[in-house]
Amino acid sequence: MPLGTIRSMNNLTIRFATAADDLERLAQLDSSVVPAAPQLVAEADGRVIAALSAHDGTTIADPFTRSAEAVGQLRRRASQMQATPRHRRPVLRLAH
Protein backbone atom coordinates (compact mmCIF):
# COMPACT_ATOMS: atom_id res chain seq x y z
CA MET A 1 0.00 0.00 0.00
CA PRO A 2 1.52 3.40 -0.94
CA LEU A 3 2.60 5.78 1.80
CA GLY A 4 -0.17 8.19 2.76
CA THR A 5 -3.11 5.91 2.06
CA ILE A 6 -5.33 3.88 4.28
CA ARG A 7 -7.93 1.47 3.03
CA SER A 8 -10.94 3.04 4.68
CA MET A 9 -12.04 4.95 7.74
CA ASN A 10 -14.25 1.89 8.34
CA ASN A 11 -11.04 0.25 9.58
CA LEU A 12 -10.41 3.04 12.08
CA THR A 13 -10.19 2.14 15.75
CA ILE A 14 -10.54 4.79 18.46
CA ARG A 15 -9.11 3.77 21.82
CA PHE A 16 -7.11 5.04 24.78
CA ALA A 17 -3.36 5.15 24.23
CA THR A 18 -1.17 2.54 25.87
CA ALA A 19 2.53 2.46 26.70
CA ALA A 20 3.04 0.41 23.52
CA ASP A 21 1.91 3.30 21.29
CA ASP A 22 4.86 5.33 20.04
CA LEU A 23 3.30 8.77 20.47
CA GLU A 24 6.75 10.38 20.64
CA ARG A 25 7.44 9.24 17.06
CA LEU A 26 4.05 10.54 15.95
CA ALA A 27 4.72 13.88 17.66
CA GLN A 28 8.09 14.14 15.91
CA LEU A 29 6.45 13.50 12.53
CA ASP A 30 3.96 16.28 13.33
CA SER A 31 6.75 18.63 14.55
CA SER A 32 4.95 18.83 17.86
CA VAL A 33 4.94 17.38 21.36
CA VAL A 34 3.00 14.47 22.80
CA PRO A 35 -0.41 15.71 24.02
CA ALA A 36 -1.21 15.57 27.73
CA ALA A 37 -2.52 12.30 29.13
CA PRO A 38 -4.90 10.64 28.93
CA GLN A 39 -4.81 10.36 25.16
CA LEU A 40 -7.19 8.84 22.66
CA VAL A 41 -5.62 7.40 19.52
CA ALA A 42 -6.92 6.66 16.05
CA GLU A 43 -5.47 3.46 14.67
CA ALA A 44 -5.81 2.50 10.99
CA ASP A 45 -4.42 -0.60 9.38
CA GLY A 46 -2.55 -1.48 12.56
CA ARG A 47 -0.79 1.84 13.16
CA VAL A 48 -1.58 4.96 15.14
CA ILE A 49 -2.18 7.86 12.76
CA ALA A 50 -3.50 10.49 15.19
CA ALA A 51 -3.79 11.18 18.91
CA LEU A 52 -5.83 13.59 21.01
CA SER A 53 -5.47 14.67 24.62
CA ALA A 54 -8.71 13.87 26.43
CA HIS A 55 -7.52 16.43 28.97
CA ASP A 56 -7.22 19.53 26.75
CA GLY A 57 -8.10 18.52 23.16
CA THR A 58 -4.59 18.97 21.74
CA THR A 59 -3.96 16.74 18.71
CA ILE A 60 -1.08 15.30 16.75
CA ALA A 61 -1.32 13.41 13.47
CA ASP A 62 0.82 11.71 10.87
CA PRO A 63 1.32 14.33 8.13
CA PHE A 64 2.08 11.59 5.59
CA THR A 65 -1.32 9.96 6.03
CA ARG A 66 -4.79 11.25 5.29
CA SER A 67 -5.59 11.78 8.94
CA ALA A 68 -8.03 14.72 9.00
CA GLU A 69 -11.05 12.43 9.23
CA ALA A 70 -9.36 10.44 12.00
CA VAL A 71 -8.78 13.66 13.98
CA GLY A 72 -12.45 14.53 13.49
CA GLN A 73 -13.45 11.11 14.82
CA LEU A 74 -11.18 11.59 17.85
CA ARG A 75 -12.78 14.97 18.57
CA ARG A 76 -16.29 13.49 18.28
CA ARG A 77 -15.42 10.61 20.61
CA ALA A 78 -13.87 12.95 23.18
CA SER A 79 -16.98 15.12 23.01
CA GLN A 80 -19.21 12.08 23.57
CA MET A 81 -17.13 11.06 26.56
CA GLN A 82 -17.51 14.52 28.12
CA ALA A 83 -21.28 14.49 27.56
CA THR A 84 -21.72 11.08 29.19
CA PRO A 85 -22.57 11.43 32.87
CA ARG A 86 -20.11 9.66 35.10
CA HIS A 87 -21.43 7.33 37.75
CA ARG A 88 -20.64 8.54 41.21
CA ARG A 89 -20.89 6.76 44.45
CA PRO A 90 -23.88 7.85 46.47
CA VAL A 91 -23.09 10.08 49.41
CA LEU A 92 -24.19 8.52 52.68
CA ARG A 93 -25.55 11.00 55.18
CA LEU A 94 -25.92 10.15 58.82
CA ALA A 95 -29.16 11.15 60.50
CA HIS A 96 -28.83 13.08 63.76
PDB file of N, CA and C in Angstrom:
ATOM      1  N   MET A   1       0.856  -1.175   0.000  1.00  0.00           N
ATOM      2  CA  MET A   1       0.000   0.000   0.000  1.00  0.00           C
ATOM      3  C   MET A   1       0.903   1.240   0.000  1.00  0.00           C
ATOM      4  N   PRO A   2       0.682   2.203  -0.887  1.00  0.00           N
ATOM      5  CA  PRO A   2       1.522   3.402  -0.944  1.00  0.00           C
ATOM      6  C   PRO A   2       1.444   4.216   0.341  1.00  0.00           C
ATOM      7  N   LEU A   3       2.545   4.901   0.631  1.00  0.00           N
ATOM      8  CA  LEU A   3       2.595   5.783   1.795  1.00  0.00           C
ATOM      9  C   LEU A   3       1.513   6.845   1.675  1.00  0.00           C
ATOM     10  N   GLY A   4       0.831   7.131   2.768  1.00  0.00           N
ATOM     11  CA  GLY A   4      -0.173   8.190   2.760  1.00  0.00           C
ATOM     12  C   GLY A   4      -1.584   7.712   2.494  1.00  0.00           C
ATOM     13  N   THR A   5      -1.748   6.407   2.302  1.00  0.00           N
ATOM     14  CA  THR A   5      -3.105   5.914   2.062  1.00  0.00           C
ATOM     15  C   THR A   5      -3.500   4.931   3.151  1.00  0.00           C
ATOM     16  N   ILE A   6      -4.765   4.914   3.422  1.00  0.00           N
ATOM     17  CA  ILE A   6      -5.328   3.878   4.276  1.00  0.00           C
ATOM     18  C   ILE A   6      -6.533   3.337   3.546  1.00  0.00           C
ATOM     19  N   ARG A   7      -6.857   2.093   3.795  1.00  0.00           N
ATOM     20  CA  ARG A   7      -7.934   1.466   3.034  1.00  0.00           C
ATOM     21  C   ARG A   7      -9.258   2.173   3.204  1.00  0.00           C
ATOM     22  N   SER A   8      -9.630   2.452   4.435  1.00  0.00           N
ATOM     23  CA  SER A   8     -10.939   3.039   4.683  1.00  0.00           C
ATOM     24  C   SER A   8     -11.028   3.492   6.124  1.00  0.00           C
ATOM     25  N   MET A   9     -11.800   4.528   6.364  1.00  0.00           N
ATOM     26  CA  MET A   9     -12.038   4.952   7.740  1.00  0.00           C
ATOM     27  C   MET A   9     -12.924   3.929   8.449  1.00  0.00           C
ATOM     28  N   ASN A  10     -13.493   2.976   7.699  1.00  0.00           N
ATOM     29  CA  ASN A  10     -14.246   1.894   8.342  1.00  0.00           C
ATOM     30  C   ASN A  10     -13.320   1.012   9.163  1.00  0.00           C
ATOM     31  N   ASN A  11     -12.025   1.041   8.856  1.00  0.00           N
ATOM     32  CA  ASN A  11     -11.036   0.248   9.576  1.00  0.00           C
ATOM     33  C   ASN A  11     -10.408   1.041  10.712  1.00  0.00           C
ATOM     34  N   LEU A  12     -10.966   2.172  11.050  1.00  0.00           N
ATOM     35  CA  LEU A  12     -10.415   3.040  12.078  1.00  0.00           C
ATOM     36  C   LEU A  12     -10.863   2.569  13.459  1.00  0.00           C
ATOM     37  N   THR A  13      -9.905   2.491  14.368  1.00  0.00           N
ATOM     38  CA  THR A  13     -10.193   2.137  15.749  1.00  0.00           C
ATOM     39  C   THR A  13      -9.841   3.320  16.629  1.00  0.00           C
ATOM     40  N   ILE A  14     -10.771   3.730  17.478  1.00  0.00           N
ATOM     41  CA  ILE A  14     -10.540   4.789  18.457  1.00  0.00           C
ATOM     42  C   ILE A  14     -10.423   4.112  19.816  1.00  0.00           C
ATOM     43  N   ARG A  15      -9.331   4.389  20.521  1.00  0.00           N
ATOM     44  CA  ARG A  15      -9.105   3.767  21.823  1.00  0.00           C
ATOM     45  C   ARG A  15      -8.189   4.657  22.647  1.00  0.00           C
ATOM     46  N   PHE A  16      -8.067   4.325  23.938  1.00  0.00           N
ATOM     47  CA  PHE A  16      -7.109   5.037  24.776  1.00  0.00           C
ATOM     48  C   PHE A  16      -5.705   4.563  24.429  1.00  0.00           C
ATOM     49  N   ALA A  17      -4.759   5.475  24.493  1.00  0.00           N
ATOM     50  CA  ALA A  17      -3.361   5.148  24.226  1.00  0.00           C
ATOM     51  C   ALA A  17      -2.821   4.238  25.315  1.00  0.00           C
ATOM     52  N   THR A  18      -1.872   3.402  24.928  1.00  0.00           N
ATOM     53  CA  THR A  18      -1.174   2.543  25.872  1.00  0.00           C
ATOM     54  C   THR A  18       0.315   2.848  25.788  1.00  0.00           C
ATOM     55  N   ALA A  19       1.078   2.264  26.696  1.00  0.00           N
ATOM     56  CA  ALA A  19       2.527   2.459  26.699  1.00  0.00           C
ATOM     57  C   ALA A  19       3.162   1.931  25.411  1.00  0.00           C
ATOM     58  N   ALA A  20       2.507   0.987  24.749  1.00  0.00           N
ATOM     59  CA  ALA A  20       3.044   0.412  23.517  1.00  0.00           C
ATOM     60  C   ALA A  20       2.928   1.351  22.313  1.00  0.00           C
ATOM     61  N   ASP A  21       2.072   2.353  22.395  1.00  0.00           N
ATOM     62  CA  ASP A  21       1.911   3.303  21.293  1.00  0.00           C
ATOM     63  C   ASP A  21       3.097   4.271  21.293  1.00  0.00           C
ATOM     64  N   ASP A  22       3.690   4.454  20.133  1.00  0.00           N
ATOM     65  CA  ASP A  22       4.861   5.327  20.041  1.00  0.00           C
ATOM     66  C   ASP A  22       4.405   6.752  19.708  1.00  0.00           C
ATOM     67  N   LEU A  23       3.810   7.422  20.703  1.00  0.00           N
ATOM     68  CA  LEU A  23       3.303   8.775  20.470  1.00  0.00           C
ATOM     69  C   LEU A  23       4.428   9.779  20.294  1.00  0.00           C
ATOM     70  N   GLU A  24       5.594   9.488  20.835  1.00  0.00           N
ATOM     71  CA  GLU A  24       6.747  10.380  20.643  1.00  0.00           C
ATOM     72  C   GLU A  24       7.131  10.433  19.168  1.00  0.00           C
ATOM     73  N   ARG A  25       7.137   9.284  18.497  1.00  0.00           N
ATOM     74  CA  ARG A  25       7.438   9.239  17.059  1.00  0.00           C
ATOM     75  C   ARG A  25       6.393  10.017  16.271  1.00  0.00           C
ATOM     76  N   LEU A  26       5.125   9.826  16.626  1.00  0.00           N
ATOM     77  CA  LEU A  26       4.046  10.540  15.951  1.00  0.00           C
ATOM     78  C   LEU A  26       4.188  12.044  16.159  1.00  0.00           C
ATOM     79  N   ALA A  27       4.526  12.454  17.371  1.00  0.00           N
ATOM     80  CA  ALA A  27       4.724  13.882  17.659  1.00  0.00           C
ATOM     81  C   ALA A  27       5.881  14.443  16.845  1.00  0.00           C
ATOM     82  N   GLN A  28       6.952  13.682  16.703  1.00  0.00           N
ATOM     83  CA  GLN A  28       8.090  14.144  15.905  1.00  0.00           C
ATOM     84  C   GLN A  28       7.696  14.316  14.442  1.00  0.00           C
ATOM     85  N   LEU A  29       6.919  13.371  13.909  1.00  0.00           N
ATOM     86  CA  LEU A  29       6.446  13.501  12.531  1.00  0.00           C
ATOM     87  C   LEU A  29       5.621  14.764  12.347  1.00  0.00           C
ATOM     88  N   ASP A  30       4.860  15.121  13.371  1.00  0.00           N
ATOM     89  CA  ASP A  30       3.960  16.282  13.334  1.00  0.00           C
ATOM     90  C   ASP A  30       4.672  17.567  13.771  1.00  0.00           C
ATOM     91  N   SER A  31       5.979  17.470  14.055  1.00  0.00           N
ATOM     92  CA  SER A  31       6.754  18.630  14.545  1.00  0.00           C
ATOM     93  C   SER A  31       6.080  19.247  15.764  1.00  0.00           C
ATOM     94  N   SER A  32       5.691  18.391  16.687  1.00  0.00           N
ATOM     95  CA  SER A  32       4.948  18.826  17.860  1.00  0.00           C
ATOM     96  C   SER A  32       5.437  18.056  19.082  1.00  0.00           C
ATOM     97  N   VAL A  33       4.656  18.128  20.147  1.00  0.00           N
ATOM     98  CA  VAL A  33       4.943  17.380  21.361  1.00  0.00           C
ATOM     99  C   VAL A  33       3.780  16.436  21.645  1.00  0.00           C
ATOM    100  N   VAL A  34       4.042  15.426  22.437  1.00  0.00           N
ATOM    101  CA  VAL A  34       3.004  14.468  22.802  1.00  0.00           C
ATOM    102  C   VAL A  34       1.940  15.198  23.623  1.00  0.00           C
ATOM    103  N   PRO A  35       0.665  15.064  23.259  1.00  0.00           N
ATOM    104  CA  PRO A  35      -0.409  15.706  24.019  1.00  0.00           C
ATOM    105  C   PRO A  35      -0.485  15.157  25.447  1.00  0.00           C
ATOM    106  N   ALA A  36      -1.052  15.955  26.324  1.00  0.00           N
ATOM    107  CA  ALA A  36      -1.210  15.566  27.733  1.00  0.00           C
ATOM    108  C   ALA A  36      -2.079  14.314  27.859  1.00  0.00           C
ATOM    109  N   ALA A  37      -1.746  13.510  28.841  1.00  0.00           N
ATOM    110  CA  ALA A  37      -2.525  12.297  29.133  1.00  0.00           C
ATOM    111  C   ALA A  37      -3.816  12.672  29.852  1.00  0.00           C
ATOM    112  N   PRO A  38      -4.816  11.846  29.741  1.00  0.00           N
ATOM    113  CA  PRO A  38      -4.903  10.639  28.933  1.00  0.00           C
ATOM    114  C   PRO A  38      -5.135  10.998  27.469  1.00  0.00           C
ATOM    115  N   GLN A  39      -4.663  10.112  26.587  1.00  0.00           N
ATOM    116  CA  GLN A  39      -4.815  10.356  25.155  1.00  0.00           C
ATOM    117  C   GLN A  39      -5.699   9.294  24.522  1.00  0.00           C
ATOM    118  N   LEU A  40      -6.471   9.738  23.548  1.00  0.00           N
ATOM    119  CA  LEU A  40      -7.187   8.836  22.659  1.00  0.00           C
ATOM    120  C   LEU A  40      -6.362   8.731  21.395  1.00  0.00           C
ATOM    121  N   VAL A  41      -6.332   7.553  20.773  1.00  0.00           N
ATOM    122  CA  VAL A  41      -5.618   7.404  19.515  1.00  0.00           C
ATOM    123  C   VAL A  41      -6.552   6.860  18.454  1.00  0.00           C
ATOM    124  N   ALA A  42      -6.235   7.211  17.211  1.00  0.00           N
ATOM    125  CA  ALA A  42      -6.922   6.658  16.053  1.00  0.00           C
ATOM    126  C   ALA A  42      -5.931   5.723  15.379  1.00  0.00           C
ATOM    127  N   GLU A  43      -6.330   4.475  15.249  1.00  0.00           N
ATOM    128  CA  GLU A  43      -5.473   3.456  14.667  1.00  0.00           C
ATOM    129  C   GLU A  43      -6.104   2.979  13.371  1.00  0.00           C
ATOM    130  N   ALA A  44      -5.326   2.978  12.290  1.00  0.00           N
ATOM    131  CA  ALA A  44      -5.805   2.503  10.995  1.00  0.00           C
ATOM    132  C   ALA A  44      -4.794   1.529  10.438  1.00  0.00           C
ATOM    133  N   ASP A  45      -5.289   0.424   9.964  1.00  0.00           N
ATOM    134  CA  ASP A  45      -4.415  -0.601   9.382  1.00  0.00           C
ATOM    135  C   ASP A  45      -3.256  -0.958  10.297  1.00  0.00           C
ATOM    136  N   GLY A  46      -3.538  -1.021  11.605  1.00  0.00           N
ATOM    137  CA  GLY A  46      -2.546  -1.478  12.561  1.00  0.00           C
ATOM    138  C   GLY A  46      -1.552  -0.453  13.047  1.00  0.00           C
ATOM    139  N   ARG A  47      -1.722   0.819  12.658  1.00  0.00           N
ATOM    140  CA  ARG A  47      -0.790   1.838  13.159  1.00  0.00           C
ATOM    141  C   ARG A  47      -1.537   3.089  13.592  1.00  0.00           C
ATOM    142  N   VAL A  48      -0.976   3.740  14.601  1.00  0.00           N
ATOM    143  CA  VAL A  48      -1.576   4.962  15.143  1.00  0.00           C
ATOM    144  C   VAL A  48      -1.287   6.104  14.177  1.00  0.00           C
ATOM    145  N   ILE A  49      -2.364   6.763  13.711  1.00  0.00           N
ATOM    146  CA  ILE A  49      -2.183   7.863  12.762  1.00  0.00           C
ATOM    147  C   ILE A  49      -2.522   9.222  13.361  1.00  0.00           C
ATOM    148  N   ALA A  50      -3.160   9.225  14.537  1.00  0.00           N
ATOM    149  CA  ALA A  50      -3.502  10.487  15.192  1.00  0.00           C
ATOM    150  C   ALA A  50      -3.744  10.231  16.672  1.00  0.00           C
ATOM    151  N   ALA A  51      -3.542  11.274  17.470  1.00  0.00           N
ATOM    152  CA  ALA A  51      -3.792  11.183  18.911  1.00  0.00           C
ATOM    153  C   ALA A  51      -4.374  12.498  19.394  1.00  0.00           C
ATOM    154  N   LEU A  52      -5.179  12.420  20.430  1.00  0.00           N
ATOM    155  CA  LEU A  52      -5.832  13.593  21.008  1.00  0.00           C
ATOM    156  C   LEU A  52      -5.756  13.498  22.521  1.00  0.00           C
ATOM    157  N   SER A  53      -5.451  14.618  23.165  1.00  0.00           N
ATOM    158  CA  SER A  53      -5.471  14.670  24.617  1.00  0.00           C
ATOM    159  C   SER A  53      -6.913  14.778  25.071  1.00  0.00           C
ATOM    160  N   ALA A  54      -7.368  13.800  25.856  1.00  0.00           N
ATOM    161  CA  ALA A  54      -8.715  13.867  26.430  1.00  0.00           C
ATOM    162  C   ALA A  54      -8.767  14.932  27.511  1.00  0.00           C
ATOM    163  N   HIS A  55      -7.613  15.399  27.932  1.00  0.00           N
ATOM    164  CA  HIS A  55      -7.523  16.434  28.965  1.00  0.00           C
ATOM    165  C   HIS A  55      -7.786  17.825  28.390  1.00  0.00           C
ATOM    166  N   ASP A  56      -7.099  18.163  27.273  1.00  0.00           N
ATOM    167  CA  ASP A  56      -7.225  19.531  26.751  1.00  0.00           C
ATOM    168  C   ASP A  56      -7.539  19.634  25.254  1.00  0.00           C
ATOM    169  N   GLY A  57      -7.705  18.497  24.567  1.00  0.00           N
ATOM    170  CA  GLY A  57      -8.096  18.523  23.159  1.00  0.00           C
ATOM    171  C   GLY A  57      -6.969  18.718  22.164  1.00  0.00           C
ATOM    172  N   THR A  58      -5.733  18.816  22.636  1.00  0.00           N
ATOM    173  CA  THR A  58      -4.585  18.967  21.738  1.00  0.00           C
ATOM    174  C   THR A  58      -4.439  17.710  20.886  1.00  0.00           C
ATOM    175  N   THR A  59      -4.109  17.880  19.604  1.00  0.00           N
ATOM    176  CA  THR A  59      -3.964  16.735  18.714  1.00  0.00           C
ATOM    177  C   THR A  59      -2.599  16.702  18.048  1.00  0.00           C
ATOM    178  N   ILE A  60      -2.211  15.513  17.639  1.00  0.00           N
ATOM    179  CA  ILE A  60      -1.079  15.302  16.747  1.00  0.00           C
ATOM    180  C   ILE A  60      -1.534  14.289  15.710  1.00  0.00           C
ATOM    181  N   ALA A  61      -0.927  14.339  14.519  1.00  0.00           N
ATOM    182  CA  ALA A  61      -1.322  13.411  13.467  1.00  0.00           C
ATOM    183  C   ALA A  61      -0.164  13.198  12.507  1.00  0.00           C
ATOM    184  N   ASP A  62      -0.186  12.057  11.862  1.00  0.00           N
ATOM    185  CA  ASP A  62       0.821  11.710  10.865  1.00  0.00           C
ATOM    186  C   ASP A  62       0.580  12.569   9.622  1.00  0.00           C
ATOM    187  N   PRO A  63       1.530  13.462   9.286  1.00  0.00           N
ATOM    188  CA  PRO A  63       1.323  14.331   8.129  1.00  0.00           C
ATOM    189  C   PRO A  63       1.448  13.605   6.790  1.00  0.00           C
ATOM    190  N   PHE A  64       1.910  12.358   6.816  1.00  0.00           N
ATOM    191  CA  PHE A  64       2.085  11.588   5.590  1.00  0.00           C
ATOM    192  C   PHE A  64       0.922  10.640   5.337  1.00  0.00           C
ATOM    193  N   THR A  65      -0.126  10.784   6.145  1.00  0.00           N
ATOM    194  CA  THR A  65      -1.323   9.959   6.031  1.00  0.00           C
ATOM    195  C   THR A  65      -2.536  10.883   5.995  1.00  0.00           C
ATOM    196  N   ARG A  66      -3.542  10.484   5.280  1.00  0.00           N
ATOM    197  CA  ARG A  66      -4.792  11.249   5.289  1.00  0.00           C
ATOM    198  C   ARG A  66      -5.449  11.044   6.644  1.00  0.00           C
ATOM    199  N   SER A  67      -5.178  11.973   7.552  1.00  0.00           N
ATOM    200  CA  SER A  67      -5.592  11.778   8.942  1.00  0.00           C
ATOM    201  C   SER A  67      -6.638  12.787   9.414  1.00  0.00           C
ATOM    202  N   ALA A  68      -7.063  13.703   8.569  1.00  0.00           N
ATOM    203  CA  ALA A  68      -8.034  14.722   9.002  1.00  0.00           C
ATOM    204  C   ALA A  68      -9.332  14.088   9.493  1.00  0.00           C
ATOM    205  N   GLU A  69      -9.818  13.083   8.804  1.00  0.00           N
ATOM    206  CA  GLU A  69     -11.055  12.427   9.229  1.00  0.00           C
ATOM    207  C   GLU A  69     -10.848  11.700  10.554  1.00  0.00           C
ATOM    208  N   ALA A  70      -9.664  11.121  10.743  1.00  0.00           N
ATOM    209  CA  ALA A  70      -9.356  10.442  12.003  1.00  0.00           C
ATOM    210  C   ALA A  70      -9.350  11.434  13.157  1.00  0.00           C
ATOM    211  N   VAL A  71      -8.783  12.617  12.943  1.00  0.00           N
ATOM    212  CA  VAL A  71      -8.776  13.658  13.980  1.00  0.00           C
ATOM    213  C   VAL A  71     -10.214  14.073  14.295  1.00  0.00           C
ATOM    214  N   GLY A  72     -11.034  14.206  13.272  1.00  0.00           N
ATOM    215  CA  GLY A  72     -12.449  14.529  13.488  1.00  0.00           C
ATOM    216  C   GLY A  72     -13.150  13.467  14.323  1.00  0.00           C
ATOM    217  N   GLN A  73     -12.855  12.201  14.040  1.00  0.00           N
ATOM    218  CA  GLN A  73     -13.446  11.106  14.818  1.00  0.00           C
ATOM    219  C   GLN A  73     -12.973  11.150  16.270  1.00  0.00           C
ATOM    220  N   LEU A  74     -11.693  11.462  16.477  1.00  0.00           N
ATOM    221  CA  LEU A  74     -11.180  11.587  17.847  1.00  0.00           C
ATOM    222  C   LEU A  74     -11.904  12.702  18.597  1.00  0.00           C
ATOM    223  N   ARG A  75     -12.088  13.843  17.926  1.00  0.00           N
ATOM    224  CA  ARG A  75     -12.780  14.966  18.569  1.00  0.00           C
ATOM    225  C   ARG A  75     -14.230  14.599  18.921  1.00  0.00           C
ATOM    226  N   ARG A  76     -14.910  13.901  18.005  1.00  0.00           N
ATOM    227  CA  ARG A  76     -16.289  13.488  18.283  1.00  0.00           C
ATOM    228  C   ARG A  76     -16.344  12.522  19.463  1.00  0.00           C
ATOM    229  N   ARG A  77     -15.416  11.578  19.507  1.00  0.00           N
ATOM    230  CA  ARG A  77     -15.417  10.607  20.614  1.00  0.00           C
ATOM    231  C   ARG A  77     -15.127  11.296  21.935  1.00  0.00           C
ATOM    232  N   ALA A  78     -14.178  12.218  21.951  1.00  0.00           N
ATOM    233  CA  ALA A  78     -13.866  12.949  23.183  1.00  0.00           C
ATOM    234  C   ALA A  78     -15.076  13.758  23.631  1.00  0.00           C
ATOM    235  N   SER A  79     -15.783  14.356  22.688  1.00  0.00           N
ATOM    236  CA  SER A  79     -16.984  15.119  23.005  1.00  0.00           C
ATOM    237  C   SER A  79     -18.063  14.218  23.600  1.00  0.00           C
ATOM    238  N   GLN A  80     -18.230  13.031  23.034  1.00  0.00           N
ATOM    239  CA  GLN A  80     -19.206  12.078  23.566  1.00  0.00           C
ATOM    240  C   GLN A  80     -18.845  11.671  24.988  1.00  0.00           C
ATOM    241  N   MET A  81     -17.568  11.471  25.231  1.00  0.00           N
ATOM    242  CA  MET A  81     -17.126  11.063  26.563  1.00  0.00           C
ATOM    243  C   MET A  81     -17.408  12.151  27.592  1.00  0.00           C
ATOM    244  N   GLN A  82     -17.249  13.412  27.200  1.00  0.00           N
ATOM    245  CA  GLN A  82     -17.508  14.518  28.122  1.00  0.00           C
ATOM    246  C   GLN A  82     -18.994  14.671  28.387  1.00  0.00           C
ATOM    247  N   ALA A  83     -19.826  14.336  27.410  1.00  0.00           N
ATOM    248  CA  ALA A  83     -21.278  14.491  27.556  1.00  0.00           C
ATOM    249  C   ALA A  83     -21.891  13.354  28.363  1.00  0.00           C
ATOM    250  N   THR A  84     -21.190  12.232  28.459  1.00  0.00           N
ATOM    251  CA  THR A  84     -21.716  11.079  29.187  1.00  0.00           C
ATOM    252  C   THR A  84     -21.567  11.299  30.677  1.00  0.00           C
ATOM    253  N   PRO A  85     -22.680  11.242  31.427  1.00  0.00           N
ATOM    254  CA  PRO A  85     -22.565  11.433  32.874  1.00  0.00           C
ATOM    255  C   PRO A  85     -21.767  10.299  33.498  1.00  0.00           C
ATOM    256  N   ARG A  86     -20.908  10.658  34.401  1.00  0.00           N
ATOM    257  CA  ARG A  86     -20.110   9.656  35.099  1.00  0.00           C
ATOM    258  C   ARG A  86     -20.881   9.177  36.317  1.00  0.00           C
ATOM    259  N   HIS A  87     -20.768   7.903  36.578  1.00  0.00           N
ATOM    260  CA  HIS A  87     -21.433   7.331  37.749  1.00  0.00           C
ATOM    261  C   HIS A  87     -20.622   7.673  38.984  1.00  0.00           C
ATOM    262  N   ARG A  88     -21.291   8.188  39.946  1.00  0.00           N
ATOM    263  CA  ARG A  88     -20.638   8.541  41.207  1.00  0.00           C
ATOM    264  C   ARG A  88     -21.221   7.695  42.315  1.00  0.00           C
ATOM    265  N   ARG A  89     -20.403   7.476  43.282  1.00  0.00           N
ATOM    266  CA  ARG A  89     -20.894   6.755  44.451  1.00  0.00           C
ATOM    267  C   ARG A  89     -21.866   7.638  45.200  1.00  0.00           C
ATOM    268  N   PRO A  90     -22.936   7.040  45.695  1.00  0.00           N
ATOM    269  CA  PRO A  90     -23.880   7.855  46.470  1.00  0.00           C
ATOM    270  C   PRO A  90     -23.228   8.334  47.765  1.00  0.00           C
ATOM    271  N   VAL A  91     -23.587   9.514  48.161  1.00  0.00           N
ATOM    272  CA  VAL A  91     -23.092  10.078  49.414  1.00  0.00           C
ATOM    273  C   VAL A  91     -24.001   9.602  50.540  1.00  0.00           C
ATOM    274  N   LEU A  92     -23.408   8.985  51.546  1.00  0.00           N
ATOM    275  CA  LEU A  92     -24.189   8.522  52.684  1.00  0.00           C
ATOM    276  C   LEU A  92     -24.219   9.627  53.734  1.00  0.00           C
ATOM    277  N   ARG A  93     -25.394   9.969  54.159  1.00  0.00           N
ATOM    278  CA  ARG A  93     -25.547  10.998  55.185  1.00  0.00           C
ATOM    279  C   ARG A  93     -26.089  10.348  56.440  1.00  0.00           C
ATOM    280  N   LEU A  94     -25.483  10.697  57.547  1.00  0.00           N
ATOM    281  CA  LEU A  94     -25.921  10.148  58.821  1.00  0.00           C
ATOM    282  C   LEU A  94     -27.010  11.032  59.412  1.00  0.00           C
ATOM    283  N   ALA A  95     -28.081  10.399  59.871  1.00  0.00           N
ATOM    284  CA  ALA A  95     -29.162  11.150  60.504  1.00  0.00           C
ATOM    285  C   ALA A  95     -28.776  11.484  61.929  1.00  0.00           C
ATOM    286  N   HIS A  96     -29.143  12.655  62.380  1.00  0.00           N
ATOM    287  CA  HIS A  96     -28.829  13.076  63.762  1.00  0.00           C
ATOM    288  C   HIS A  96     -29.963  12.753  64.672  1.00  0.00           C
TER     289      HIS A  96
END
